[in-house]
N, C-alpha and C. Protein backbone atom coordinates (compact mmCIF):
# COMPACT_ATOMS: atom_id res chain seq x y z
N MET A 1 2.69 19.88 -25.25
CA MET A 1 3.30 20.63 -24.19
C MET A 1 4.74 20.93 -24.59
N VAL A 2 5.12 22.17 -24.47
CA VAL A 2 6.47 22.60 -24.82
C VAL A 2 7.34 22.54 -23.56
N VAL A 3 8.46 21.84 -23.68
CA VAL A 3 9.41 21.72 -22.59
C VAL A 3 10.70 22.42 -23.00
N GLY A 4 11.20 23.32 -22.19
CA GLY A 4 12.49 23.94 -22.43
C GLY A 4 12.55 24.89 -23.60
N ALA A 5 11.58 25.76 -23.74
CA ALA A 5 11.56 26.70 -24.86
C ALA A 5 12.80 27.59 -24.87
N GLU A 6 13.51 27.55 -25.98
CA GLU A 6 14.70 28.35 -26.23
C GLU A 6 15.85 28.08 -25.27
N THR A 7 15.83 26.94 -24.60
CA THR A 7 16.92 26.63 -23.67
C THR A 7 18.19 26.19 -24.38
N LEU A 8 18.07 25.66 -25.59
CA LEU A 8 19.27 25.30 -26.34
C LEU A 8 19.98 26.56 -26.83
N ASP A 9 19.22 27.47 -27.39
CA ASP A 9 19.78 28.72 -27.92
C ASP A 9 20.48 29.53 -26.82
N ARG A 10 19.90 29.51 -25.64
CA ARG A 10 20.48 30.27 -24.51
C ARG A 10 21.56 29.50 -23.77
N GLY A 11 21.74 28.23 -24.10
CA GLY A 11 22.78 27.43 -23.45
C GLY A 11 22.40 26.91 -22.07
N VAL A 12 21.11 26.91 -21.75
CA VAL A 12 20.65 26.40 -20.45
C VAL A 12 20.82 24.88 -20.39
N PHE A 13 20.45 24.21 -21.48
CA PHE A 13 20.59 22.76 -21.58
C PHE A 13 21.37 22.41 -22.84
N THR A 14 22.04 21.28 -22.81
CA THR A 14 22.58 20.69 -24.03
C THR A 14 21.43 19.89 -24.65
N GLY A 15 21.62 19.43 -25.87
CA GLY A 15 20.60 18.61 -26.51
C GLY A 15 20.25 17.37 -25.69
N PRO A 16 21.25 16.59 -25.24
CA PRO A 16 20.95 15.41 -24.43
C PRO A 16 20.24 15.74 -23.11
N GLN A 17 20.62 16.86 -22.49
CA GLN A 17 19.96 17.26 -21.24
C GLN A 17 18.50 17.62 -21.48
N LEU A 18 18.25 18.35 -22.57
CA LEU A 18 16.87 18.73 -22.88
C LEU A 18 16.03 17.49 -23.20
N LEU A 19 16.59 16.56 -23.95
CA LEU A 19 15.88 15.33 -24.25
C LEU A 19 15.51 14.60 -22.97
N LYS A 20 16.43 14.54 -22.03
CA LYS A 20 16.17 13.88 -20.75
C LYS A 20 15.03 14.57 -20.00
N GLN A 21 15.02 15.90 -20.03
CA GLN A 21 13.95 16.66 -19.37
C GLN A 21 12.60 16.37 -20.04
N MET A 22 12.60 16.33 -21.36
CA MET A 22 11.37 16.04 -22.10
C MET A 22 10.86 14.64 -21.77
N GLN A 23 11.76 13.68 -21.69
CA GLN A 23 11.37 12.32 -21.36
C GLN A 23 10.83 12.23 -19.94
N ALA A 24 11.41 13.00 -19.02
CA ALA A 24 10.95 13.01 -17.63
C ALA A 24 9.54 13.59 -17.53
N VAL A 25 9.30 14.67 -18.26
CA VAL A 25 7.95 15.27 -18.26
C VAL A 25 6.95 14.28 -18.84
N ASN A 26 7.32 13.65 -19.94
CA ASN A 26 6.42 12.68 -20.58
C ASN A 26 6.11 11.53 -19.62
N SER A 27 7.11 11.06 -18.93
CA SER A 27 6.92 9.97 -17.97
C SER A 27 6.03 10.40 -16.81
N THR A 28 6.28 11.59 -16.28
CA THR A 28 5.49 12.11 -15.17
C THR A 28 4.02 12.26 -15.56
N LEU A 29 3.79 12.72 -16.79
CA LEU A 29 2.42 12.93 -17.26
C LEU A 29 1.82 11.68 -17.90
N LYS A 30 2.59 10.59 -17.82
CA LYS A 30 2.13 9.27 -18.31
C LYS A 30 1.65 9.30 -19.76
N GLY A 31 2.34 10.09 -20.59
CA GLY A 31 2.04 10.12 -22.01
C GLY A 31 0.70 10.72 -22.38
N GLN A 32 0.11 11.47 -21.47
CA GLN A 32 -1.22 12.05 -21.72
C GLN A 32 -1.20 13.20 -22.72
N PHE A 33 -0.03 13.79 -22.92
CA PHE A 33 0.10 14.97 -23.80
C PHE A 33 1.22 14.75 -24.79
N LYS A 34 1.11 15.40 -25.92
CA LYS A 34 2.22 15.41 -26.87
C LYS A 34 3.30 16.33 -26.29
N ILE A 35 4.55 15.86 -26.34
CA ILE A 35 5.67 16.59 -25.75
C ILE A 35 6.63 17.02 -26.85
N GLY A 36 7.09 18.25 -26.75
CA GLY A 36 8.06 18.76 -27.70
C GLY A 36 8.81 19.94 -27.13
N THR A 37 9.49 20.65 -27.99
CA THR A 37 10.23 21.83 -27.58
C THR A 37 10.18 22.88 -28.67
N SER A 38 10.64 24.05 -28.34
CA SER A 38 10.66 25.17 -29.28
C SER A 38 12.00 25.88 -29.15
N ASP A 39 12.62 26.16 -30.27
CA ASP A 39 13.90 26.86 -30.20
C ASP A 39 14.17 27.59 -31.51
N ASN A 40 15.17 28.45 -31.45
CA ASN A 40 15.61 29.21 -32.61
C ASN A 40 16.15 28.23 -33.66
N TRP A 41 15.94 28.55 -34.91
CA TRP A 41 16.35 27.68 -36.01
C TRP A 41 17.83 27.31 -35.93
N SER A 42 18.66 28.21 -35.41
CA SER A 42 20.10 27.95 -35.39
C SER A 42 20.45 26.75 -34.51
N ALA A 43 19.67 26.49 -33.46
CA ALA A 43 19.93 25.32 -32.61
C ALA A 43 19.72 24.03 -33.38
N PHE A 44 18.84 24.06 -34.36
CA PHE A 44 18.59 22.89 -35.19
C PHE A 44 19.60 22.82 -36.34
N ALA A 45 19.97 23.97 -36.86
CA ALA A 45 20.89 24.02 -38.00
C ALA A 45 22.33 23.69 -37.61
N ASN A 46 22.73 24.07 -36.39
CA ASN A 46 24.13 23.89 -36.01
C ASN A 46 24.40 22.58 -35.27
N GLY A 47 23.38 21.74 -35.12
CA GLY A 47 23.57 20.43 -34.50
C GLY A 47 23.31 20.39 -33.00
N THR A 48 23.08 21.52 -32.38
CA THR A 48 22.83 21.55 -30.95
C THR A 48 21.63 20.70 -30.57
N ALA A 49 20.62 20.64 -31.43
CA ALA A 49 19.38 19.92 -31.14
C ALA A 49 19.36 18.50 -31.69
N ASP A 50 20.49 18.01 -32.17
CA ASP A 50 20.50 16.68 -32.79
C ASP A 50 19.96 15.59 -31.86
N ALA A 51 20.35 15.61 -30.59
CA ALA A 51 19.88 14.59 -29.65
C ALA A 51 18.37 14.67 -29.47
N VAL A 52 17.85 15.89 -29.45
CA VAL A 52 16.40 16.08 -29.31
C VAL A 52 15.69 15.50 -30.53
N ILE A 53 16.20 15.80 -31.71
CA ILE A 53 15.60 15.29 -32.95
C ILE A 53 15.65 13.77 -32.98
N GLN A 54 16.79 13.20 -32.62
CA GLN A 54 16.94 11.75 -32.62
C GLN A 54 16.04 11.08 -31.59
N GLY A 55 15.66 11.82 -30.55
CA GLY A 55 14.75 11.30 -29.53
C GLY A 55 13.31 11.24 -30.01
N GLN A 56 13.06 11.73 -31.19
CA GLN A 56 11.74 11.70 -31.85
C GLN A 56 10.61 12.28 -30.99
N PRO A 57 10.72 13.56 -30.66
CA PRO A 57 9.63 14.19 -29.90
C PRO A 57 8.36 14.24 -30.75
N ASP A 58 7.24 14.45 -30.07
CA ASP A 58 5.97 14.56 -30.78
C ASP A 58 5.89 15.83 -31.59
N ILE A 59 6.50 16.91 -31.08
CA ILE A 59 6.39 18.24 -31.70
C ILE A 59 7.74 18.94 -31.64
N LEU A 60 8.10 19.62 -32.72
CA LEU A 60 9.25 20.52 -32.73
C LEU A 60 8.81 21.84 -33.33
N TYR A 61 8.94 22.90 -32.57
CA TYR A 61 8.67 24.24 -33.08
C TYR A 61 10.00 24.89 -33.37
N VAL A 62 10.18 25.31 -34.60
CA VAL A 62 11.42 25.96 -35.02
C VAL A 62 11.07 27.37 -35.46
N HIS A 63 11.74 28.34 -34.89
CA HIS A 63 11.46 29.72 -35.26
C HIS A 63 12.76 30.47 -35.53
N ARG A 64 12.61 31.59 -36.12
CA ARG A 64 13.80 32.41 -36.40
C ARG A 64 13.63 33.75 -35.71
N ILE A 65 14.76 34.32 -35.39
CA ILE A 65 14.77 35.64 -34.79
C ILE A 65 15.06 36.65 -35.90
N ARG A 66 14.20 37.60 -36.04
CA ARG A 66 14.41 38.62 -37.06
C ARG A 66 15.42 39.66 -36.56
N PRO A 67 16.31 40.07 -37.45
CA PRO A 67 17.27 41.10 -37.05
C PRO A 67 16.55 42.41 -36.73
N THR A 68 17.09 43.13 -35.77
CA THR A 68 16.48 44.41 -35.40
C THR A 68 17.04 45.54 -36.21
């Protein structure tokens, strides 16, 4: 289950806030599903997602935005 898709890139959540949301979803669902997030590669490259990575989610989807 993806929690907070692209919320780091858009500035909706900080890394620690997103991690807390992911943990809350996992707790609510009693660990029945793998929990992760999806965001633009820059959120992972620039350190914004460090707290999420350190929280050891089950899944991380990293994508890039192609220039138009």
